[in-house]
C-alpha atoms as a PDB file:
ATOM      1  CA  MET A   1      61.051  20.041 -14.470  1.00  0.00           C
ATOM      2  CA  LYS A   2      62.347  17.553 -11.901  1.00  0.00           C
ATOM      3  CA  PHE A   3      62.423  17.389  -8.112  1.00  0.00           C
ATOM      4  CA  ASN A   4      65.753  16.641  -6.426  1.00  0.00           C
ATOM      5  CA  SER A   5      67.645  16.756  -9.712  1.00  0.00           C
ATOM      6  CA  ARG A   6      71.237  15.544  -9.445  1.00  0.00           C
ATOM      7  CA  GLU A   7      72.248  17.581 -12.506  1.00  0.00           C
ATOM      8  CA  GLU A   8      70.770  20.797 -11.093  1.00  0.00           C
ATOM      9  CA  ILE A   9      72.398  20.270  -7.696  1.00  0.00           C
ATOM     10  CA  ILE A  10      75.818  19.812  -9.310  1.00  0.00           C
ATOM     11  CA  GLU A  11      75.301  22.956 -11.403  1.00  0.00           C
ATOM     12  CA  LEU A  12      74.355  24.925  -8.270  1.00  0.00           C
ATOM     13  CA  THR A  13      77.474  23.845  -6.349  1.00  0.00           C
ATOM     14  CA  PRO A  14      80.401  24.019  -8.826  1.00  0.00           C
ATOM     15  CA  GLN A  15      82.904  25.218  -6.228  1.00  0.00           C
ATOM     16  CA  TRP A  16      82.643  21.886  -4.426  1.00  0.00           C
ATOM     17  CA  LYS A  17      85.412  19.652  -5.813  1.00  0.00           C
ATOM     18  CA  GLY A  18      85.074  16.637  -3.556  1.00  0.00           C
ATOM     19  CA  LYS A  19      82.921  13.535  -3.290  1.00  0.00           C
ATOM     20  CA  ARG A  20      79.174  13.846  -3.808  1.00  0.00           C
ATOM     21  CA  LEU A  21      76.181  11.994  -2.432  1.00  0.00           C
ATOM     22  CA  PRO A  22      74.044   9.915  -4.840  1.00  0.00           C
ATOM     23  CA  ASP A  23      71.612  12.838  -5.261  1.00  0.00           C
ATOM     24  CA  GLY A  24      74.500  15.139  -6.240  1.00  0.00           C
ATOM     25  CA  ARG A  25      74.834  17.084  -3.001  1.00  0.00           C
ATOM     26  CA  PRO A  26      78.362  17.820  -1.794  1.00  0.00           C
ATOM     27  CA  TYR A  27      79.534  15.211   0.704  1.00  0.00           C
ATOM     28  CA  VAL A  28      81.243  17.043   3.549  1.00  0.00           C
ATOM     29  CA  GLU A  29      83.067  14.373   5.536  1.00  0.00           C
ATOM     30  CA  ASP A  30      81.783  13.313   8.940  1.00  0.00           C
ATOM     31  CA  ARG A  31      85.028  14.380  10.615  1.00  0.00           C
ATOM     32  CA  TYR A  32      84.188  18.005   9.846  1.00  0.00           C
ATOM     33  CA  LEU A  33      80.687  17.605  11.248  1.00  0.00           C
ATOM     34  CA  LYS A  34      82.241  16.159  14.401  1.00  0.00           C
ATOM     35  CA  ALA A  35      84.770  19.002  14.630  1.00  0.00           C
ATOM     36  CA  LEU A  36      82.022  21.607  14.352  1.00  0.00           C
ATOM     37  CA  ARG A  37      80.385  20.312  17.539  1.00  0.00           C
ATOM     38  CA  SER A  38      83.218  21.769  19.622  1.00  0.00           C
ATOM     39  CA  LEU A  39      82.935  25.234  18.055  1.00  0.00           C
ATOM     40  CA  THR A  40      80.740  28.208  18.895  1.00  0.00           C
ATOM     41  CA  LEU A  41      78.415  30.065  16.559  1.00  0.00           C
ATOM     42  CA  GLU A  42      80.682  33.125  16.482  1.00  0.00           C
ATOM     43  CA  GLU A  43      83.782  31.034  15.743  1.00  0.00           C
ATOM     44  CA  VAL A  44      82.088  29.418  12.771  1.00  0.00           C
ATOM     45  CA  TRP A  45      80.431  32.612  11.545  1.00  0.00           C
ATOM     46  CA  LYS A  46      83.576  34.751  11.318  1.00  0.00           C
ATOM     47  CA  PRO A  47      85.485  32.918   8.521  1.00  0.00           C
ATOM     48  CA  ILE A  48      82.340  32.985   6.367  1.00  0.00           C
ATOM     49  CA  PHE A  49      81.458  36.610   7.018  1.00  0.00           C
ATOM     50  CA  VAL A  50      84.906  37.965   6.155  1.00  0.00           C
ATOM     51  CA  LYS A  51      84.659  36.221   2.770  1.00  0.00           C
ATOM     52  CA  GLY A  52      81.492  38.138   1.928  1.00  0.00           C
ATOM     53  CA  TYR A  53      78.942  35.489   2.894  1.00  0.00           C
ATOM     54  CA  GLU A  54      76.741  37.860   4.872  1.00  0.00           C
ATOM     55  CA  SER A  55      73.379  36.142   4.297  1.00  0.00           C
ATOM     56  CA  GLN A  56      74.017  32.791   5.960  1.00  0.00           C
ATOM     57  CA  PHE A  57      72.499  33.308   9.426  1.00  0.00           C
ATOM     58  CA  GLU A  58      68.949  33.413  10.758  1.00  0.00           C
ATOM     59  CA  GLY A  59      68.233  33.998  14.439  1.00  0.00           C
ATOM     60  CA  ARG A  60      64.460  34.473  14.503  1.00  0.00           C
ATOM     61  CA  LEU A  61      63.644  30.839  15.164  1.00  0.00           C
ATOM     62  CA  LYS A  62      62.432  28.828  18.142  1.00  0.00           C
ATOM     63  CA  THR A  63      64.005  25.546  19.215  1.00  0.00           C
ATOM     64  CA  LEU A  64      62.344  22.283  20.114  1.00  0.00           C
ATOM     65  CA  HIS A  65      64.922  21.748  22.891  1.00  0.00           C
ATOM     66  CA  ASP A  66      66.473  24.534  24.958  1.00  0.00           C
ATOM     67  CA  ASP A  67      69.211  22.423  26.539  1.00  0.00           C
ATOM     68  CA  GLY A  68      72.116  23.741  24.465  1.00  0.00           C
ATOM     69  CA  ARG A  69      72.226  20.860  21.985  1.00  0.00           C
ATOM     70  CA  LYS A  70      73.479  21.663  18.502  1.00  0.00           C
ATOM     71  CA  LEU A  71      72.006  20.775  15.136  1.00  0.00           C
ATOM     72  CA  ILE A  72      74.715  19.895  12.619  1.00  0.00           C
ATOM     73  CA  GLY A  73      74.294  18.130   9.297  1.00  0.00           C
ATOM     74  CA  ARG A  74      74.018  18.294   5.515  1.00  0.00           C
ATOM     75  CA  ALA A  75      71.118  20.369   4.202  1.00  0.00           C
ATOM     76  CA  VAL A  76      68.273  18.841   2.229  1.00  0.00           C
ATOM     77  CA  THR A  77      66.311  21.864   1.013  1.00  0.00           C
ATOM     78  CA  ALA A  78      62.679  22.320   0.020  1.00  0.00           C
ATOM     79  CA  ASN A  79      60.579  25.305  -1.102  1.00  0.00           C
ATOM     80  CA  PHE A  80      56.823  25.697  -0.725  1.00  0.00           C
ATOM     81  CA  VAL A  81      54.150  28.220  -1.749  1.00  0.00           C
ATOM     82  CA  PRO A  82      50.434  28.674  -0.945  1.00  0.00           C
ATOM     83  CA  THR A  83      48.038  26.373  -2.716  1.00  0.00           C
ATOM     84  CA  ARG A  84      46.721  26.993  -6.239  1.00  0.00           C
ATOM     85  CA  PRO A  85      44.742  24.226  -7.973  1.00  0.00           C
ATOM     86  CA  ASP A  86      46.445  24.208 -11.371  1.00  0.00           C
ATOM     87  CA  LEU A  87      49.955  24.474  -9.905  1.00  0.00           C
ATOM     88  CA  HIS A  88      49.235  21.721  -7.372  1.00  0.00           C
ATOM     89  CA  GLU A  89      48.052  19.421 -10.153  1.00  0.00           C
ATOM     90  CA  THR A  90      51.209  20.094 -12.152  1.00  0.00           C
ATOM     91  CA  MET A  91      53.641  19.654  -9.280  1.00  0.00           C
ATOM     92  CA  PHE A  92      51.920  16.613  -7.837  1.00  0.00           C
ATOM     93  CA  GLN A  93      51.910  14.905 -11.224  1.00  0.00           C
ATOM     94  CA  ILE A  94      55.652  15.500 -11.512  1.00  0.00           C
ATOM     95  CA  GLY A  95      56.131  13.836  -8.139  1.00  0.00           C
ATOM     96  CA  MET A  96      53.897  10.904  -9.038  1.00  0.00           C
ATOM     97  CA  LYS A  97      55.865  10.307 -12.261  1.00  0.00           C
ATOM     98  CA  GLU A  98      59.036  10.256 -10.154  1.00  0.00           C
ATOM     99  CA  GLY A  99      57.502   7.558  -7.941  1.00  0.00           C
ATOM    100  CA  ARG A 100      56.991   9.736  -4.865  1.00  0.00           C
ATOM    101  CA  LYS A 101      54.362   8.765  -2.306  1.00  0.00           C
ATOM    102  CA  GLY A 102      52.323  10.657   0.283  1.00  0.00           C
ATOM    103  CA  ASN A 103      52.300  14.431   0.643  1.00  0.00           C
ATOM    104  CA  TYR A 104      55.019  16.869  -0.357  1.00  0.00           C
ATOM    105  CA  ASN A 105      56.684  16.963   3.057  1.00  0.00           C
ATOM    106  CA  GLN A 106      56.832  13.171   3.111  1.00  0.00           C
ATOM    107  CA  TRP A 107      58.729  13.239  -0.191  1.00  0.00           C
ATOM    108  CA  VAL A 108      61.468  15.213   1.530  1.00  0.00           C
ATOM    109  CA  ILE A 109      61.619  12.987   4.608  1.00  0.00           C
ATOM    110  CA  ASP A 110      61.726   9.827   2.469  1.00  0.00           C
ATOM    111  CA  SER A 111      64.879  11.090   0.719  1.00  0.00           C
ATOM    112  CA  LEU A 112      66.944  11.579   3.887  1.00  0.00           C
ATOM    113  CA  THR A 113      70.138   9.714   4.641  1.00  0.00           C
ATOM    114  CA  GLU A 114      72.435   9.609   7.644  1.00  0.00           C
ATOM    115  CA  GLY A 115      73.725  13.061   8.638  1.00  0.00           C
ATOM    116  CA  ASP A 116      71.035  15.028   6.796  1.00  0.00           C
ATOM    117  CA  VAL A 117      68.996  17.978   8.084  1.00  0.00           C
ATOM    118  CA  VAL A 118      65.699  19.089   6.540  1.00  0.00           C
ATOM    119  CA  VAL A 119      65.683  22.786   5.583  1.00  0.00           C
ATOM    120  CA  ALA A 120      62.175  23.816   4.492  1.00  0.00           C
ATOM    121  CA  ASP A 121      60.861  27.234   3.514  1.00  0.00           C
ATOM    122  CA  MET A 122      57.149  27.037   4.400  1.00  0.00           C
ATOM    123  CA  TYR A 123      56.817  30.798   3.682  1.00  0.00           C
ATOM    124  CA  ASP A 124      56.265  31.394   7.429  1.00  0.00           C
ATOM    125  CA  LYS A 125      53.032  29.385   7.361  1.00  0.00           C
ATOM    126  CA  ILE A 126      52.096  28.146  10.835  1.00  0.00           C
ATOM    127  CA  TYR A 127      48.331  27.583  10.755  1.00  0.00           C
ATOM    128  CA  LYS A 128      48.021  24.498   8.527  1.00  0.00           C
ATOM    129  CA  GLY A 129      51.746  24.892   7.931  1.00  0.00           C
ATOM    130  CA  THR A 130      53.011  22.300  10.417  1.00  0.00           C
ATOM    131  CA  PHE A 131      55.739  20.627   8.379  1.00  0.00           C
ATOM    132  CA  LEU A 132      56.793  18.302  11.204  1.00  0.00           C
ATOM    133  CA  GLY A 133      54.969  16.393  13.914  1.00  0.00           C
ATOM    134  CA  GLY A 134      55.660  13.338  16.014  1.00  0.00           C
ATOM    135  CA  ASN A 135      55.611  10.745  13.224  1.00  0.00           C
ATOM    136  CA  LEU A 136      57.807  12.599  10.746  1.00  0.00           C
ATOM    137  CA  THR A 137      60.266  13.561  13.483  1.00  0.00           C
ATOM    138  CA  THR A 138      60.568   9.875  14.330  1.00  0.00           C
ATOM    139  CA  ALA A 139      61.191   9.177  10.645  1.00  0.00           C
ATOM    140  CA  ILE A 140      63.906  11.862  10.575  1.00  0.00           C
ATOM    141  CA  LYS A 141      65.614  10.233  13.549  1.00  0.00           C
ATOM    142  CA  THR A 142      65.441   6.796  11.934  1.00  0.00           C
ATOM    143  CA  LYS A 143      66.912   7.962   8.640  1.00  0.00           C
ATOM    144  CA  THR A 144      69.481  10.539   9.778  1.00  0.00           C
ATOM    145  CA  LYS A 145      70.476   9.068  13.194  1.00  0.00           C
ATOM    146  CA  ASN A 146      70.913  12.476  14.868  1.00  0.00           C
ATOM    147  CA  GLY A 147      69.517  15.058  12.480  1.00  0.00           C
ATOM    148  CA  GLY A 148      66.572  17.391  12.673  1.00  0.00           C
ATOM    149  CA  GLY A 149      65.023  20.273  10.804  1.00  0.00           C
ATOM    150  CA  VAL A 150      64.996  23.995  10.151  1.00  0.00           C
ATOM    151  CA  ILE A 151      61.444  24.964   9.284  1.00  0.00           C
ATOM    152  CA  TRP A 152      60.431  28.483   8.231  1.00  0.00           C
ATOM    153  CA  GLY A 153      56.920  27.576   9.280  1.00  0.00           C
ATOM    154  CA  GLY A 154      55.125  25.497  11.868  1.00  0.00           C
ATOM    155  CA  ILE A 155      55.321  22.225  13.772  1.00  0.00           C
ATOM    156  CA  ARG A 156      52.797  20.214  15.821  1.00  0.00           C
ATOM    157  CA  ASP A 157      52.757  17.337  18.342  1.00  0.00           C
ATOM    158  CA  THR A 158      55.665  18.902  20.213  1.00  0.00           C
ATOM    159  CA  GLU A 159      55.240  16.632  23.238  1.00  0.00           C
ATOM    160  CA  GLN A 160      55.770  13.634  20.970  1.00  0.00           C
ATOM    161  CA  MET A 161      58.591  15.352  19.110  1.00  0.00           C
ATOM    162  CA  LYS A 162      60.490  16.026  22.330  1.00  0.00           C
ATOM    163  CA  LYS A 163      60.479  12.320  23.144  1.00  0.00           C
ATOM    164  CA  VAL A 164      62.478  11.525  20.014  1.00  0.00           C
ATOM    165  CA  GLU A 165      66.100  11.291  21.179  1.00  0.00           C
ATOM    166  CA  ASP A 166      69.029  13.199  19.673  1.00  0.00           C
ATOM    167  CA  VAL A 167      66.928  15.428  17.420  1.00  0.00           C
ATOM    168  CA  GLN A 168      66.787  19.222  17.319  1.00  0.00           C
ATOM    169  CA  VAL A 169      64.309  21.332  15.346  1.00  0.00           C
ATOM    170  CA  TYR A 170      64.284  25.062  14.643  1.00  0.00           C
ATOM    171  CA  TYR A 171      60.877  26.454  13.691  1.00  0.00           C
ATOM    172  CA  ARG A 172      58.722  29.591  13.612  1.00  0.00           C
ATOM    173  CA  GLY A 173      55.611  28.559  15.542  1.00  0.00           C
ATOM    174  CA  ILE A 174      53.371  25.797  16.897  1.00  0.00           C
ATOM    175  CA  ASP A 175      49.835  24.970  15.826  1.00  0.00           C
ATOM    176  CA  PRO A 176      47.654  21.879  16.370  1.00  0.00           C
ATOM    177  CA  THR A 177      46.370  21.868  12.776  1.00  0.00           C
ATOM    178  CA  PRO A 178      47.726  19.301  10.316  1.00  0.00           C
ATOM    179  CA  ILE A 179      49.579  20.567   7.276  1.00  0.00           C
ATOM    180  CA  ARG A 180      47.262  21.623   4.459  1.00  0.00           C
ATOM    181  CA  ASP A 181      47.005  23.884   1.384  1.00  0.00           C
ATOM    182  CA  PHE A 182      50.617  24.111   0.245  1.00  0.00           C
ATOM    183  CA  ILE A 183      52.620  23.211  -2.853  1.00  0.00           C
ATOM    184  CA  MET A 184      56.243  22.175  -3.287  1.00  0.00           C
ATOM    185  CA  THR A 185      58.001  24.215  -5.959  1.00  0.00           C
ATOM    186  CA  GLY A 186      61.596  23.148  -5.309  1.00  0.00           C
ATOM    187  CA  PHE A 187      63.399  20.162  -3.813  1.00  0.00           C
ATOM    188  CA  ASN A 188      67.148  20.386  -3.213  1.00  0.00           C
ATOM    189  CA  THR A 189      67.496  23.750  -4.852  1.00  0.00           C
ATOM    190  CA  VAL A 190      68.198  27.322  -3.688  1.00  0.00           C
ATOM    191  CA  THR A 191      66.168  27.975  -0.537  1.00  0.00           C
ATOM    192  CA  ARG A 192      65.613  30.976   1.701  1.00  0.00           C
ATOM    193  CA  ILE A 193      65.230  30.707   5.462  1.00  0.00           C
ATOM    194  CA  GLY A 194      64.397  34.218   6.657  1.00  0.00           C
ATOM    195  CA  ASN A 195      67.530  36.262   5.996  1.00  0.00           C
ATOM    196  CA  ALA A 196      69.636  33.255   5.007  1.00  0.00           C
ATOM    197  CA  VAL A 197      70.320  31.652   1.625  1.00  0.00           C
ATOM    198  CA  VAL A 198      70.803  27.878   1.603  1.00  0.00           C
ATOM    199  CA  LEU A 199      72.059  25.493  -1.072  1.00  0.00           C
ATOM    200  CA  PRO A 200      71.650  21.714  -0.977  1.00  0.00           C
ATOM    201  CA  GLY A 201      74.624  20.194   0.815  1.00  0.00           C
ATOM    202  CA  ASP A 202      75.390  23.309   2.882  1.00  0.00           C
ATOM    203  CA  ILE A 203      76.248  22.392   6.439  1.00  0.00           C
ATOM    204  CA  VAL A 204      73.564  23.376   8.921  1.00  0.00           C
ATOM    205  CA  PHE A 205      75.028  24.720  12.173  1.00  0.00           C
ATOM    206  CA  GLY A 206      72.300  25.359  14.713  1.00  0.00           C
ATOM    207  CA  ALA A 207      73.581  26.725  18.007  1.00  0.00           C
ATOM    208  CA  GLY A 208      73.379  29.694  20.308  1.00  0.00           C
ATOM    209  CA  GLY A 209      69.799  30.524  19.425  1.00  0.00           C
ATOM    210  CA  GLY A 210      70.174  30.637  15.652  1.00  0.00           C
ATOM    211  CA  VAL A 211      71.143  28.731  12.532  1.00  0.00           C
ATOM    212  CA  LEU A 212      74.160  29.312  10.295  1.00  0.00           C
ATOM    213  CA  PHE A 213      74.386  27.687   6.862  1.00  0.00           C
ATOM    214  CA  ILE A 214      78.007  26.992   5.904  1.00  0.00           C
ATOM    215  CA  PRO A 215      78.749  26.718   2.155  1.00  0.00           C
ATOM    216  CA  SER A 216      80.041  23.205   1.570  1.00  0.00           C
ATOM    217  CA  HIS A 217      83.243  24.317  -0.167  1.00  0.00           C
ATOM    218  CA  LEU A 218      84.186  26.490   2.823  1.00  0.00           C
ATOM    219  CA  VAL A 219      83.650  23.963   5.609  1.00  0.00           C
ATOM    220  CA  ALA A 220      87.244  22.745   5.875  1.00  0.00           C
ATOM    221  CA  GLU A 221      88.506  26.334   5.916  1.00  0.00           C
ATOM    222  CA  VAL A 222      85.853  27.323   8.446  1.00  0.00           C
ATOM    223  CA  VAL A 223      86.762  24.495  10.814  1.00  0.00           C
ATOM    224  CA  ASP A 224      90.469  25.346  10.628  1.00  0.00           C
ATOM    225  CA  GLY A 225      89.745  29.077  10.887  1.00  0.00           C
ATOM    226  CA  ALA A 226      87.558  28.594  13.930  1.00  0.00           C
ATOM    227  CA  SER A 227      90.203  26.388  15.528  1.00  0.00           C
ATOM    228  CA  LYS A 228      92.778  29.120  14.936  1.00  0.00           C
ATOM    229  CA  THR A 229      90.473  31.644  16.577  1.00  0.00           C
ATOM    230  CA  GLN A 230      90.118  29.354  19.577  1.00  0.00           C
ATOM    231  CA  VAL A 231      93.842  28.883  20.157  1.00  0.00           C
ATOM    232  CA  LYS A 232      94.570  32.571  19.513  1.00  0.00           C
ATOM    233  CA  ASP A 233      91.996  33.425  22.178  1.00  0.00           C
ATOM    234  CA  ILE A 234      93.619  31.063  24.682  1.00  0.00           C
ATOM    235  CA  PHE A 235      97.044  32.488  23.900  1.00  0.00           C
ATOM    236  CA  GLY A 236      95.761  36.060  23.807  1.00  0.00           C
ATOM    237  CA  PHE A 237      94.147  35.849  27.237  1.00  0.00           C
ATOM    238  CA  GLU A 238      97.429  34.485  28.588  1.00  0.00           C
ATOM    239  CA  MET A 239      99.482  37.292  27.036  1.00  0.00           C
ATOM    240  CA  ILE A 240      97.122  40.001  28.293  1.00  0.00           C
ATOM    241  CA  THR A 241      97.198  38.490  31.782  1.00  0.00           C
ATOM    242  CA  GLN A 242     101.005  38.520  31.711  1.00  0.00           C
ATOM    243  CA  ASN A 243     100.956  42.092  30.349  1.00  0.00           C
ATOM    244  CA  LYS A 244     103.032  41.065  27.321  1.00  0.00           C
ATOM    245  CA  PHE A 245     100.570  42.377  24.735  1.00  0.00           C
ATOM    246  CA  THR A 246      97.737  44.871  24.838  1.00  0.00           C
ATOM    247  CA  THR A 247      94.157  44.077  23.942  1.00  0.00           C
ATOM    248  CA  ALA A 248      94.578  46.297  20.872  1.00  0.00           C
ATOM    249  CA  GLN A 249      97.457  44.132  19.650  1.00  0.00           C
ATOM    250  CA  ILE A 250      95.603  40.887  20.313  1.00  0.00           C
ATOM    251  CA  ASP A 251      92.403  42.086  18.647  1.00  0.00           C
ATOM    252  CA  ARG A 252      94.022  43.024  15.339  1.00  0.00           C
ATOM    253  CA  ASN A 253      93.081  40.902  12.329  1.00  0.00           C
ATOM    254  CA  THR A 254      96.753  40.509  11.395  1.00  0.00           C
ATOM    255  CA  TRP A 255      99.358  39.622  13.990  1.00  0.00           C
ATOM    256  CA  THR A 256     103.055  40.479  13.703  1.00  0.00           C
ATOM    257  CA  GLU A 257     105.707  37.812  13.090  1.00  0.00           C
ATOM    258  CA  GLU A 258     106.845  38.214  16.690  1.00  0.00           C
ATOM    259  CA  MET A 259     103.370  37.463  17.979  1.00  0.00           C
ATOM    260  CA  LEU A 260     102.982  34.496  15.637  1.00  0.00           C
ATOM    261  CA  ASP A 261     106.367  33.104  16.690  1.00  0.00           C
ATOM    262  CA  MET A 262     105.307  33.286  20.330  1.00  0.00           C
ATOM    263  CA  LEU A 263     101.996  31.651  19.430  1.00  0.00           C
ATOM    264  CA  MET A 264     103.842  28.778  17.718  1.00  0.00           C
ATOM    265  CA  VAL A 265     105.894  28.168  20.849  1.00  0.00           C
ATOM    266  CA  PHE A 266     102.736  28.255  22.945  1.00  0.00           C
ATOM    267  CA  ILE A 267     101.011  25.722  20.654  1.00  0.00           C
ATOM    268  CA  LYS A 268     104.040  23.444  20.721  1.00  0.00           C
ATOM    269  CA  THR A 269     104.603  23.507  24.478  1.00  0.00           C
ATOM    270  CA  ASP A 270     101.315  24.228  26.262  1.00  0.00           C
ATOM    271  CA  GLU A 271      99.018  21.254  26.858  1.00  0.00           C
ATOM    272  CA  ARG A 272      95.965  23.493  26.372  1.00  0.00           C
ATOM    273  CA  ALA A 273      96.999  23.878  22.743  1.00  0.00           C
ATOM    274  CA  GLU A 274      97.767  20.240  22.016  1.00  0.00           C
ATOM    275  CA  LYS A 275      94.764  19.647  19.726  1.00  0.00           C
ATOM    276  CA  TYR A 276      95.737  22.660  17.589  1.00  0.00           C
ATOM    277  CA  ARG A 277      99.208  21.420  16.646  1.00  0.00           C
ATOM    278  CA  GLY A 278      98.284  20.312  13.144  1.00  0.00           C
ATOM    279  CA  LEU A 279      97.098  23.712  11.888  1.00  0.00           C
ATOM    280  CA  ASP A 280      98.866  25.447   8.988  1.00  0.00           C
ATOM    281  CA  TRP A 281      99.787  29.080   9.694  1.00  0.00           C
ATOM    282  CA  THR A 282     101.416  29.866   6.335  1.00  0.00           C
ATOM    283  CA  LEU A 283      98.771  32.411   5.362  1.00  0.00           C
ATOM    284  CA  GLU A 284      99.051  34.258   8.683  1.00  0.00           C
ATOM    285  CA  TYR A 285     102.820  34.539   8.313  1.00  0.00           C
ATOM    286  CA  ASP A 286     102.448  35.737   4.730  1.00  0.00           C
ATOM    287  CA  LEU A 287     100.047  38.486   5.810  1.00  0.00           C
ATOM    288  CA  ALA A 288     102.369  39.488   8.650  1.00  0.00           C
ATOM    289  CA  ARG A 289     105.310  39.834   6.248  1.00  0.00           C
ATOM    290  CA  ASN A 290     103.600  41.327   3.219  1.00  0.00           C
ATOM    291  CA  GLY A 291     100.747  43.282   4.732  1.00  0.00           C
ATOM    292  CA  ASP A 292      96.987  42.910   4.862  1.00  0.00           C
ATOM    293  CA  PRO A 293      94.538  45.596   3.649  1.00  0.00           C
ATOM    294  CA  ASN A 294      92.549  44.997   6.816  1.00  0.00           C
ATOM    295  CA  ASP A 295      95.475  45.111   9.220  1.00  0.00           C
ATOM    296  CA  THR A 296      94.339  48.365  10.837  1.00  0.00           C
ATOM    297  CA  GLN A 297      91.002  46.863  11.835  1.00  0.00           C
ATOM    298  CA  THR A 298      90.243  44.994  14.982  1.00  0.00           C
ATOM    299  CA  ALA A 299      89.128  41.402  14.771  1.00  0.00           C
ATOM    300  CA  LEU A 300      85.454  40.642  14.317  1.00  0.00           C
END
């Protein structure tokens, strides 16, 4: 067994065809992370959900900052279980042979690079389950520049944590106790955060009171899909206001060719749609011409 195994990470993420980080995680380009900052939770969620990814969101978390800031970055995952002497000895020896120093949670923090977000399943442990405090949050900031964490467990030293600039943390509870009596069983492997399933290299999208984990191979499609939803909303509101289309027409999953043609003119001529002019609408036209099995349903 190995922690943070490049070979295992690659085997877990075969649908990713692009560049990878040194540890094997998919490398989603920074431009997509930047683009996600202008999108809402619902806009990002929809393209994933309609593809059958229904276990990517968890909303039962608290946030370190309640000022609307988003948490966006590449997931570094870790799994933990309650302590057991023989298992601790085994796992700790594995880490020592790999040259890791400190406690399990420090192993994870030490591995971070720019743009990363810690995603740790602490099995909802809060008392003696405080994965992050002031010092490790400072270390996260130093290594990731503007990252943070999603902790299915506890944190401590929140006054210190809040002083660390440009960091956001999602967590389950606060306790003053230091972290104790836990064992790492997985590092950059499949991880569960409440109702969500996370793979190493997924893109963490924390916003609107919850966290969505975007599969790496879908990020480009999600960004474009969310952008299409945005411009269709702008256009749709305009058409409803002018009484050219009904809400029922606008809310359909599949638009007619006539509606798409009018949308193309709107995108080309209206300054509100300027940033959407590079989107490819081939699929939408194909569905309009050839039919869509979901074309009788309203949009999600």
